[in-house]
Amino acid sequence: MASATDDPEGDGPDGVEFVREDDGTITARDLETGLARGGDSRAAALAQLAEVLELHEGGGEPIENPDEFLREELDIDPDERDGDESLPEFLR
């Protein structure tokens, strides 16, 4: 369980909370943003969370061609997607 510290500036919680899931994996959640990622260990979950936080803060590289990204990186044929499905937020 995570512990909270005094927040003299009143800007909300700070730090990371780790939760052991029923399947044995660990979830790391950033208390400030609410973003979370999981992994097989605390270190793996924290590394995944660090990547998510970097992207959340504007890091990373933009995806130039979403259809090409879907095909090459995720092995998804964009032509087979239902027309009602919207693109995931990271591809918008």
PDB file of N, CA and C in Angstrom:
ATOM      1  N   MET A   1       0.826  -1.173   0.000  1.00  0.00           N
ATOM      2  CA  MET A   1       0.000   0.000   0.000  1.00  0.00           C
ATOM      3  C   MET A   1       0.874   1.242   0.000  1.00  0.00           C
ATOM      4  N   ALA A   2       0.401   2.282  -0.570  1.00  0.00           N
ATOM      5  CA  ALA A   2       1.148   3.534  -0.618  1.00  0.00           C
ATOM      6  C   ALA A   2       0.884   4.342   0.641  1.00  0.00           C
ATOM      7  N   SER A   3       1.811   5.205   0.951  1.00  0.00           N
ATOM      8  CA  SER A   3       1.594   6.102   2.081  1.00  0.00           C
ATOM      9  C   SER A   3       1.602   7.527   1.570  1.00  0.00           C
ATOM     10  N   ALA A   4       0.805   8.351   2.193  1.00  0.00           N
ATOM     11  CA  ALA A   4       0.718   9.750   1.785  1.00  0.00           C
ATOM     12  C   ALA A   4       1.601  10.592   2.688  1.00  0.00           C
ATOM     13  N   THR A   5       2.142  11.641   2.129  1.00  0.00           N
ATOM     14  CA  THR A   5       2.922  12.579   2.920  1.00  0.00           C
ATOM     15  C   THR A   5       2.139  13.871   3.035  1.00  0.00           C
ATOM     16  N   ASP A   6       2.542  14.727   3.962  1.00  0.00           N
ATOM     17  CA  ASP A   6       1.899  16.029   4.079  1.00  0.00           C
ATOM     18  C   ASP A   6       2.039  16.771   2.759  1.00  0.00           C
ATOM     19  N   ASP A   7       1.031  17.549   2.435  1.00  0.00           N
ATOM     20  CA  ASP A   7       1.013  18.293   1.179  1.00  0.00           C
ATOM     21  C   ASP A   7       0.866  19.773   1.499  1.00  0.00           C
ATOM     22  N   PRO A   8       1.961  20.413   1.935  1.00  0.00           N
ATOM     23  CA  PRO A   8       1.860  21.805   2.367  1.00  0.00           C
ATOM     24  C   PRO A   8       1.445  22.763   1.252  1.00  0.00           C
ATOM     25  N   GLU A   9       1.724  22.439   0.005  1.00  0.00           N
ATOM     26  CA  GLU A   9       1.374  23.330  -1.099  1.00  0.00           C
ATOM     27  C   GLU A   9      -0.044  23.077  -1.599  1.00  0.00           C
ATOM     28  N   GLY A  10      -0.657  21.989  -1.157  1.00  0.00           N
ATOM     29  CA  GLY A  10      -2.028  21.703  -1.543  1.00  0.00           C
ATOM     30  C   GLY A  10      -2.212  21.360  -3.011  1.00  0.00           C
ATOM     31  N   ASP A  11      -1.164  20.853  -3.656  1.00  0.00           N
ATOM     32  CA  ASP A  11      -1.280  20.549  -5.086  1.00  0.00           C
ATOM     33  C   ASP A  11      -1.587  19.081  -5.359  1.00  0.00           C
ATOM     34  N   GLY A  12      -2.003  18.353  -4.368  1.00  0.00           N
ATOM     35  CA  GLY A  12      -2.413  16.971  -4.571  1.00  0.00           C
ATOM     36  C   GLY A  12      -1.328  15.976  -4.219  1.00  0.00           C
ATOM     37  N   PRO A  13      -1.679  14.696  -4.286  1.00  0.00           N
ATOM     38  CA  PRO A  13      -0.731  13.648  -3.912  1.00  0.00           C
ATOM     39  C   PRO A  13       0.427  13.544  -4.892  1.00  0.00           C
ATOM     40  N   ASP A  14       1.523  13.033  -4.390  1.00  0.00           N
ATOM     41  CA  ASP A  14       2.727  12.882  -5.196  1.00  0.00           C
ATOM     42  C   ASP A  14       3.282  11.499  -4.904  1.00  0.00           C
ATOM     43  N   GLY A  15       3.852  10.857  -5.885  1.00  0.00           N
ATOM     44  CA  GLY A  15       4.461   9.558  -5.662  1.00  0.00           C
ATOM     45  C   GLY A  15       3.810   8.478  -6.502  1.00  0.00           C
ATOM     46  N   VAL A  16       4.158   7.240  -6.180  1.00  0.00           N
ATOM     47  CA  VAL A  16       3.678   6.084  -6.932  1.00  0.00           C
ATOM     48  C   VAL A  16       3.105   5.072  -5.955  1.00  0.00           C
ATOM     49  N   GLU A  17       1.987   4.479  -6.336  1.00  0.00           N
ATOM     50  CA  GLU A  17       1.352   3.423  -5.554  1.00  0.00           C
ATOM     51  C   GLU A  17       1.529   2.107  -6.316  1.00  0.00           C
ATOM     52  N   PHE A  18       1.910   1.053  -5.609  1.00  0.00           N
ATOM     53  CA  PHE A  18       2.046  -0.267  -6.215  1.00  0.00           C
ATOM     54  C   PHE A  18       0.927  -1.156  -5.697  1.00  0.00           C
ATOM     55  N   VAL A  19       0.297  -1.904  -6.614  1.00  0.00           N
ATOM     56  CA  VAL A  19      -0.782  -2.816  -6.250  1.00  0.00           C
ATOM     57  C   VAL A  19      -0.461  -4.191  -6.823  1.00  0.00           C
ATOM     58  N   ARG A  20      -0.511  -5.213  -5.967  1.00  0.00           N
ATOM     59  CA  ARG A  20      -0.332  -6.592  -6.448  1.00  0.00           C
ATOM     60  C   ARG A  20      -1.681  -7.098  -6.925  1.00  0.00           C
ATOM     61  N   GLU A  21      -1.740  -7.452  -8.200  1.00  0.00           N
ATOM     62  CA  GLU A  21      -2.984  -7.932  -8.802  1.00  0.00           C
ATOM     63  C   GLU A  21      -3.198  -9.408  -8.491  1.00  0.00           C
ATOM     64  N   ASP A  22      -4.427  -9.890  -8.704  1.00  0.00           N
ATOM     65  CA  ASP A  22      -4.761 -11.285  -8.420  1.00  0.00           C
ATOM     66  C   ASP A  22      -3.940 -12.270  -9.236  1.00  0.00           C
ATOM     67  N   ASP A  23      -3.507 -11.857 -10.435  1.00  0.00           N
ATOM     68  CA  ASP A  23      -2.727 -12.757 -11.285  1.00  0.00           C
ATOM     69  C   ASP A  23      -1.231 -12.721 -10.973  1.00  0.00           C
ATOM     70  N   GLY A  24      -0.835 -11.961  -9.928  1.00  0.00           N
ATOM     71  CA  GLY A  24       0.559 -11.905  -9.525  1.00  0.00           C
ATOM     72  C   GLY A  24       1.344 -10.748 -10.122  1.00  0.00           C
ATOM     73  N   THR A  25       0.768 -10.048 -11.083  1.00  0.00           N
ATOM     74  CA  THR A  25       1.461  -8.901 -11.654  1.00  0.00           C
ATOM     75  C   THR A  25       1.360  -7.706 -10.707  1.00  0.00           C
ATOM     76  N   ILE A  26       2.159  -6.700 -10.987  1.00  0.00           N
ATOM     77  CA  ILE A  26       2.184  -5.483 -10.173  1.00  0.00           C
ATOM     78  C   ILE A  26       1.730  -4.312 -11.031  1.00  0.00           C
ATOM     79  N   THR A  27       0.879  -3.461 -10.481  1.00  0.00           N
ATOM     80  CA  THR A  27       0.478  -2.228 -11.150  1.00  0.00           C
ATOM     81  C   THR A  27       1.099  -1.057 -10.407  1.00  0.00           C
ATOM     82  N   ALA A  28       1.735  -0.159 -11.159  1.00  0.00           N
ATOM     83  CA  ALA A  28       2.289   1.076 -10.605  1.00  0.00           C
ATOM     84  C   ALA A  28       1.393   2.215 -11.070  1.00  0.00           C
ATOM     85  N   ARG A  29       0.901   3.030 -10.119  1.00  0.00           N
ATOM     86  CA  ARG A  29       0.017   4.142 -10.452  1.00  0.00           C
ATOM     87  C   ARG A  29       0.614   5.440  -9.939  1.00  0.00           C
ATOM     88  N   ASP A  30       0.743   6.409 -10.843  1.00  0.00           N
ATOM     89  CA  ASP A  30       1.223   7.742 -10.479  1.00  0.00           C
ATOM     90  C   ASP A  30       0.085   8.468  -9.780  1.00  0.00           C
ATOM     91  N   LEU A  31       0.301   8.887  -8.544  1.00  0.00           N
ATOM     92  CA  LEU A  31      -0.763   9.504  -7.761  1.00  0.00           C
ATOM     93  C   LEU A  31      -1.141  10.886  -8.271  1.00  0.00           C
ATOM     94  N   GLU A  32      -0.239  11.575  -8.900  1.00  0.00           N
ATOM     95  CA  GLU A  32      -0.536  12.923  -9.398  1.00  0.00           C
ATOM     96  C   GLU A  32      -1.434  12.890 -10.626  1.00  0.00           C
ATOM     97  N   THR A  33      -1.130  12.016 -11.587  1.00  0.00           N
ATOM     98  CA  THR A  33      -1.868  11.984 -12.850  1.00  0.00           C
ATOM     99  C   THR A  33      -2.945  10.903 -12.883  1.00  0.00           C
ATOM    100  N   GLY A  34      -2.799   9.872 -12.064  1.00  0.00           N
ATOM    101  CA  GLY A  34      -3.722   8.746 -12.103  1.00  0.00           C
ATOM    102  C   GLY A  34      -3.369   7.723 -13.168  1.00  0.00           C
ATOM    103  N   LEU A  35      -2.312   7.980 -13.941  1.00  0.00           N
ATOM    104  CA  LEU A  35      -1.888   7.030 -14.966  1.00  0.00           C
ATOM    105  C   LEU A  35      -1.290   5.794 -14.318  1.00  0.00           C
ATOM    106  N   ALA A  36      -1.483   4.636 -14.954  1.00  0.00           N
ATOM    107  CA  ALA A  36      -0.992   3.390 -14.387  1.00  0.00           C
ATOM    108  C   ALA A  36      -0.512   2.454 -15.483  1.00  0.00           C
ATOM    109  N   ARG A  37       0.438   1.593 -15.124  1.00  0.00           N
ATOM    110  CA  ARG A  37       0.934   0.537 -16.010  1.00  0.00           C
ATOM    111  C   ARG A  37       1.309  -0.646 -15.149  1.00  0.00           C
ATOM    112  N   GLY A  38       1.318  -1.814 -15.751  1.00  0.00           N
ATOM    113  CA  GLY A  38       1.626  -3.020 -15.008  1.00  0.00           C
ATOM    114  C   GLY A  38       2.806  -3.765 -15.571  1.00  0.00           C
ATOM    115  N   GLY A  39       3.281  -4.719 -14.777  1.00  0.00           N
ATOM    116  CA  GLY A  39       4.391  -5.564 -15.187  1.00  0.00           C
ATOM    117  C   GLY A  39       4.511  -6.751 -14.266  1.00  0.00           C
ATOM    118  N   ASP A  40       5.474  -7.612 -14.564  1.00  0.00           N
ATOM    119  CA  ASP A  40       5.682  -8.814 -13.748  1.00  0.00           C
ATOM    120  C   ASP A  40       6.373  -8.516 -12.435  1.00  0.00           C
ATOM    121  N   SER A  41       6.988  -7.339 -12.315  1.00  0.00           N
ATOM    122  CA  SER A  41       7.672  -6.948 -11.081  1.00  0.00           C
ATOM    123  C   SER A  41       7.456  -5.454 -10.865  1.00  0.00           C
ATOM    124  N   ARG A  42       7.841  -4.988  -9.676  1.00  0.00           N
ATOM    125  CA  ARG A  42       7.738  -3.555  -9.405  1.00  0.00           C
ATOM    126  C   ARG A  42       8.604  -2.761 -10.382  1.00  0.00           C
ATOM    127  N   ALA A  43       9.807  -3.266 -10.650  1.00  0.00           N
ATOM    128  CA  ALA A  43      10.714  -2.568 -11.568  1.00  0.00           C
ATOM    129  C   ALA A  43      10.121  -2.494 -12.975  1.00  0.00           C
ATOM    130  N   ALA A  44       9.538  -3.583 -13.446  1.00  0.00           N
ATOM    131  CA  ALA A  44       8.947  -3.596 -14.783  1.00  0.00           C
ATOM    132  C   ALA A  44       7.750  -2.651 -14.848  1.00  0.00           C
ATOM    133  N   ALA A  45       6.906  -2.667 -13.830  1.00  0.00           N
ATOM    134  CA  ALA A  45       5.741  -1.772 -13.799  1.00  0.00           C
ATOM    135  C   ALA A  45       6.181  -0.314 -13.760  1.00  0.00           C
ATOM    136  N   LEU A  46       7.208  -0.026 -12.980  1.00  0.00           N
ATOM    137  CA  LEU A  46       7.714   1.340 -12.878  1.00  0.00           C
ATOM    138  C   LEU A  46       8.333   1.815 -14.193  1.00  0.00           C
ATOM    139  N   ALA A  47       9.035   0.927 -14.885  1.00  0.00           N
ATOM    140  CA  ALA A  47       9.622   1.276 -16.184  1.00  0.00           C
ATOM    141  C   ALA A  47       8.511   1.583 -17.197  1.00  0.00           C
ATOM    142  N   GLN A  48       7.455   0.771 -17.199  1.00  0.00           N
ATOM    143  CA  GLN A  48       6.326   1.014 -18.098  1.00  0.00           C
ATOM    144  C   GLN A  48       5.644   2.332 -17.757  1.00  0.00           C
ATOM    145  N   LEU A  49       5.474   2.599 -16.461  1.00  0.00           N
ATOM    146  CA  LEU A  49       4.851   3.844 -16.027  1.00  0.00           C
ATOM    147  C   LEU A  49       5.689   5.051 -16.447  1.00  0.00           C
ATOM    148  N   ALA A  50       7.005   4.930 -16.364  1.00  0.00           N
ATOM    149  CA  ALA A  50       7.882   6.029 -16.778  1.00  0.00           C
ATOM    150  C   ALA A  50       7.672   6.358 -18.251  1.00  0.00           C
ATOM    151  N   GLU A  51       7.502   5.342 -19.093  1.00  0.00           N
ATOM    152  CA  GLU A  51       7.257   5.579 -20.519  1.00  0.00           C
ATOM    153  C   GLU A  51       5.925   6.285 -20.730  1.00  0.00           C
ATOM    154  N   VAL A  52       4.899   5.856 -20.015  1.00  0.00           N
ATOM    155  CA  VAL A  52       3.576   6.466 -20.147  1.00  0.00           C
ATOM    156  C   VAL A  52       3.621   7.926 -19.706  1.00  0.00           C
ATOM    157  N   LEU A  53       4.312   8.198 -18.610  1.00  0.00           N
ATOM    158  CA  LEU A  53       4.421   9.577 -18.132  1.00  0.00           C
ATOM    159  C   LEU A  53       5.162  10.456 -19.127  1.00  0.00           C
ATOM    160  N   GLU A  54       6.206   9.912 -19.747  1.00  0.00           N
ATOM    161  CA  GLU A  54       6.944  10.680 -20.753  1.00  0.00           C
ATOM    162  C   GLU A  54       6.034  11.058 -21.918  1.00  0.00           C
ATOM    163  N   LEU A  55       5.236  10.095 -22.383  1.00  0.00           N
ATOM    164  CA  LEU A  55       4.315  10.374 -23.485  1.00  0.00           C
ATOM    165  C   LEU A  55       3.234  11.359 -23.049  1.00  0.00           C
ATOM    166  N   HIS A  56       2.751  11.206 -21.840  1.00  0.00           N
ATOM    167  CA  HIS A  56       1.721  12.096 -21.300  1.00  0.00           C
ATOM    168  C   HIS A  56       2.211  13.540 -21.253  1.00  0.00           C
ATOM    169  N   GLU A  57       3.492  13.717 -21.006  1.00  0.00           N
ATOM    170  CA  GLU A  57       4.079  15.049 -20.901  1.00  0.00           C
ATOM    171  C   GLU A  57       4.600  15.576 -22.237  1.00  0.00           C
ATOM    172  N   GLY A  58       4.235  14.903 -23.334  1.00  0.00           N
ATOM    173  CA  GLY A  58       4.591  15.402 -24.656  1.00  0.00           C
ATOM    174  C   GLY A  58       5.842  14.808 -25.246  1.00  0.00           C
ATOM    175  N   GLY A  59       6.448  13.840 -24.584  1.00  0.00           N
ATOM    176  CA  GLY A  59       7.638  13.194 -25.120  1.00  0.00           C
ATOM    177  C   GLY A  59       7.271  12.204 -26.210  1.00  0.00           C
ATOM    178  N   GLY A  60       8.252  11.543 -26.724  1.00  0.00           N
ATOM    179  CA  GLY A  60       8.029  10.560 -27.772  1.00  0.00           C
ATOM    180  C   GLY A  60       7.988  11.203 -29.140  1.00  0.00           C
ATOM    181  N   GLU A  61       7.756  10.390 -30.141  1.00  0.00           N
ATOM    182  CA  GLU A  61       7.724  10.875 -31.512  1.00  0.00           C
ATOM    183  C   GLU A  61       6.323  10.703 -32.076  1.00  0.00           C
ATOM    184  N   PRO A  62       5.858  11.666 -32.862  1.00  0.00           N
ATOM    185  CA  PRO A  62       4.520  11.556 -33.449  1.00  0.00           C
ATOM    186  C   PRO A  62       4.465  10.418 -34.470  1.00  0.00           C
ATOM    187  N   ILE A  63       3.285   9.864 -34.624  1.00  0.00           N
ATOM    188  CA  ILE A  63       3.051   8.822 -35.619  1.00  0.00           C
ATOM    189  C   ILE A  63       2.633   9.515 -36.905  1.00  0.00           C
ATOM    190  N   GLU A  64       3.488   9.438 -37.914  1.00  0.00           N
ATOM    191  CA  GLU A  64       3.250  10.129 -39.181  1.00  0.00           C
ATOM    192  C   GLU A  64       2.101   9.503 -39.975  1.00  0.00           C
ATOM    193  N   ASN A  65       2.079   8.173 -40.048  1.00  0.00           N
ATOM    194  CA  ASN A  65       1.085   7.472 -40.846  1.00  0.00           C
ATOM    195  C   ASN A  65       0.419   6.412 -39.964  1.00  0.00           C
ATOM    196  N   PRO A  66      -0.756   6.700 -39.403  1.00  0.00           N
ATOM    197  CA  PRO A  66      -1.408   5.749 -38.497  1.00  0.00           C
ATOM    198  C   PRO A  66      -1.680   4.387 -39.129  1.00  0.00           C
ATOM    199  N   ASP A  67      -2.086   4.348 -40.414  1.00  0.00           N
ATOM    200  CA  ASP A  67      -2.367   3.060 -41.057  1.00  0.00           C
ATOM    201  C   ASP A  67      -1.106   2.201 -41.150  1.00  0.00           C
ATOM    202  N   GLU A  68       0.009   2.814 -41.520  1.00  0.00           N
ATOM    203  CA  GLU A  68       1.280   2.089 -41.600  1.00  0.00           C
ATOM    204  C   GLU A  68       1.704   1.588 -40.218  1.00  0.00           C
ATOM    205  N   PHE A  69       1.517   2.428 -39.197  1.00  0.00           N
ATOM    206  CA  PHE A  69       1.848   2.026 -37.832  1.00  0.00           C
ATOM    207  C   PHE A  69       1.022   0.813 -37.411  1.00  0.00           C
ATOM    208  N   LEU A  70      -0.279   0.847 -37.697  1.00  0.00           N
ATOM    209  CA  LEU A  70      -1.130  -0.288 -37.344  1.00  0.00           C
ATOM    210  C   LEU A  70      -0.657  -1.568 -38.023  1.00  0.00           C
ATOM    211  N   ARG A  71      -0.328  -1.470 -39.313  1.00  0.00           N
ATOM    212  CA  ARG A  71       0.114  -2.659 -40.052  1.00  0.00           C
ATOM    213  C   ARG A  71       1.452  -3.193 -39.544  1.00  0.00           C
ATOM    214  N   GLU A  72       2.441  -2.309 -39.453  1.00  0.00           N
ATOM    215  CA  GLU A  72       3.812  -2.750 -39.180  1.00  0.00           C
ATOM    216  C   GLU A  72       4.088  -3.007 -37.702  1.00  0.00           C
ATOM    217  N   GLU A  73       3.536  -2.210 -36.822  1.00  0.00           N
ATOM    218  CA  GLU A  73       3.860  -2.333 -35.398  1.00  0.00           C
ATOM    219  C   GLU A  73       2.874  -3.199 -34.627  1.00  0.00           C
ATOM    220  N   LEU A  74       1.594  -3.169 -35.027  1.00  0.00           N
ATOM    221  CA  LEU A  74       0.577  -3.885 -34.263  1.00  0.00           C
ATOM    222  C   LEU A  74      -0.056  -5.035 -35.034  1.00  0.00           C
ATOM    223  N   ASP A  75       0.356  -5.231 -36.286  1.00  0.00           N
ATOM    224  CA  ASP A  75      -0.162  -6.299 -37.137  1.00  0.00           C
ATOM    225  C   ASP A  75      -1.690  -6.247 -37.249  1.00  0.00           C
ATOM    226  N   ILE A  76      -2.201  -5.020 -37.451  1.00  0.00           N
ATOM    227  CA  ILE A  76      -3.637  -4.801 -37.620  1.00  0.00           C
ATOM    228  C   ILE A  76      -3.843  -4.218 -39.006  1.00  0.00           C
ATOM    229  N   ASP A  77      -4.766  -4.812 -39.748  1.00  0.00           N
ATOM    230  CA  ASP A  77      -5.085  -4.284 -41.074  1.00  0.00           C
ATOM    231  C   ASP A  77      -6.147  -3.201 -40.915  1.00  0.00           C
ATOM    232  N   PRO A  78      -5.790  -1.940 -41.148  1.00  0.00           N
ATOM    233  CA  PRO A  78      -6.759  -0.860 -40.952  1.00  0.00           C
ATOM    234  C   PRO A  78      -7.974  -0.969 -41.867  1.00  0.00           C
ATOM    235  N   ASP A  79      -7.840  -1.653 -42.994  1.00  0.00           N
ATOM    236  CA  ASP A  79      -8.966  -1.822 -43.909  1.00  0.00           C
ATOM    237  C   ASP A  79     -10.017  -2.772 -43.352  1.00  0.00           C
ATOM    238  N   GLU A  80      -9.639  -3.602 -42.372  1.00  0.00           N
ATOM    239  CA  GLU A  80     -10.572  -4.559 -41.780  1.00  0.00           C
ATOM    240  C   GLU A  80     -11.254  -4.028 -40.524  1.00  0.00           C
ATOM    241  N   ARG A  81     -10.919  -2.809 -40.119  1.00  0.00           N
ATOM    242  CA  ARG A  81     -11.555  -2.213 -38.946  1.00  0.00           C
ATOM    243  C   ARG A  81     -12.978  -1.814 -39.292  1.00  0.00           C
ATOM    244  N   ASP A  82     -13.879  -1.909 -38.306  1.00  0.00           N
ATOM    245  CA  ASP A  82     -15.244  -1.443 -38.485  1.00  0.00           C
ATOM    246  C   ASP A  82     -15.237   0.070 -38.615  1.00  0.00           C
ATOM    247  N   GLY A  83     -16.088   0.598 -39.436  1.00  0.00           N
ATOM    248  CA  GLY A  83     -16.159   2.039 -39.630  1.00  0.00           C
ATOM    249  C   GLY A  83     -16.605   2.785 -38.380  1.00  0.00           C
ATOM    250  N   ASP A  84     -17.277   2.092 -37.443  1.00  0.00           N
ATOM    251  CA  ASP A  84     -17.778   2.740 -36.232  1.00  0.00           C
ATOM    252  C   ASP A  84     -16.704   2.909 -35.179  1.00  0.00           C
ATOM    253  N   GLU A  85     -15.592   2.186 -35.310  1.00  0.00           N
ATOM    254  CA  GLU A  85     -14.526   2.264 -34.310  1.00  0.00           C
ATOM    255  C   GLU A  85     -13.731   3.549 -34.507  1.00  0.00           C
ATOM    256  N   SER A  86     -13.509   4.264 -33.438  1.00  0.00           N
ATOM    257  CA  SER A  86     -12.636   5.429 -33.545  1.00  0.00           C
ATOM    258  C   SER A  86     -11.213   4.982 -33.236  1.00  0.00           C
ATOM    259  N   LEU A  87     -10.263   5.749 -33.727  1.00  0.00           N
ATOM    260  CA  LEU A  87      -8.863   5.428 -33.466  1.00  0.00           C
ATOM    261  C   LEU A  87      -8.572   5.612 -31.986  1.00  0.00           C
ATOM    262  N   PRO A  88      -7.662   4.805 -31.428  1.00  0.00           N
ATOM    263  CA  PRO A  88      -7.247   5.027 -30.054  1.00  0.00           C
ATOM    264  C   PRO A  88      -6.643   6.428 -29.912  1.00  0.00           C
ATOM    265  N   GLU A  89      -6.707   6.984 -28.731  1.00  0.00           N
ATOM    266  CA  GLU A  89      -6.261   8.358 -28.505  1.00  0.00           C
ATOM    267  C   GLU A  89      -4.837   8.590 -28.986  1.00  0.00           C
ATOM    268  N   PHE A  90      -3.929   7.591 -28.792  1.00  0.00           N
ATOM    269  CA  PHE A  90      -2.540   7.797 -29.168  1.00  0.00           C
ATOM    270  C   PHE A  90      -2.328   7.865 -30.674  1.00  0.00           C
ATOM    271  N   LEU A  91      -3.344   7.507 -31.464  1.00  0.00           N
ATOM    272  CA  LEU A  91      -3.237   7.585 -32.915  1.00  0.00           C
ATOM    273  C   LEU A  91      -3.978   8.785 -33.496  1.00  0.00           C
ATOM    274  N   ARG A  92      -4.648   9.559 -32.657  1.00  0.00           N
ATOM    275  CA  ARG A  92      -5.400  10.741 -33.141  1.00  0.00           C
ATOM    276  C   ARG A  92      -4.487  11.919 -33.321  1.00  0.00           C
TER     277      ARG A  92
END
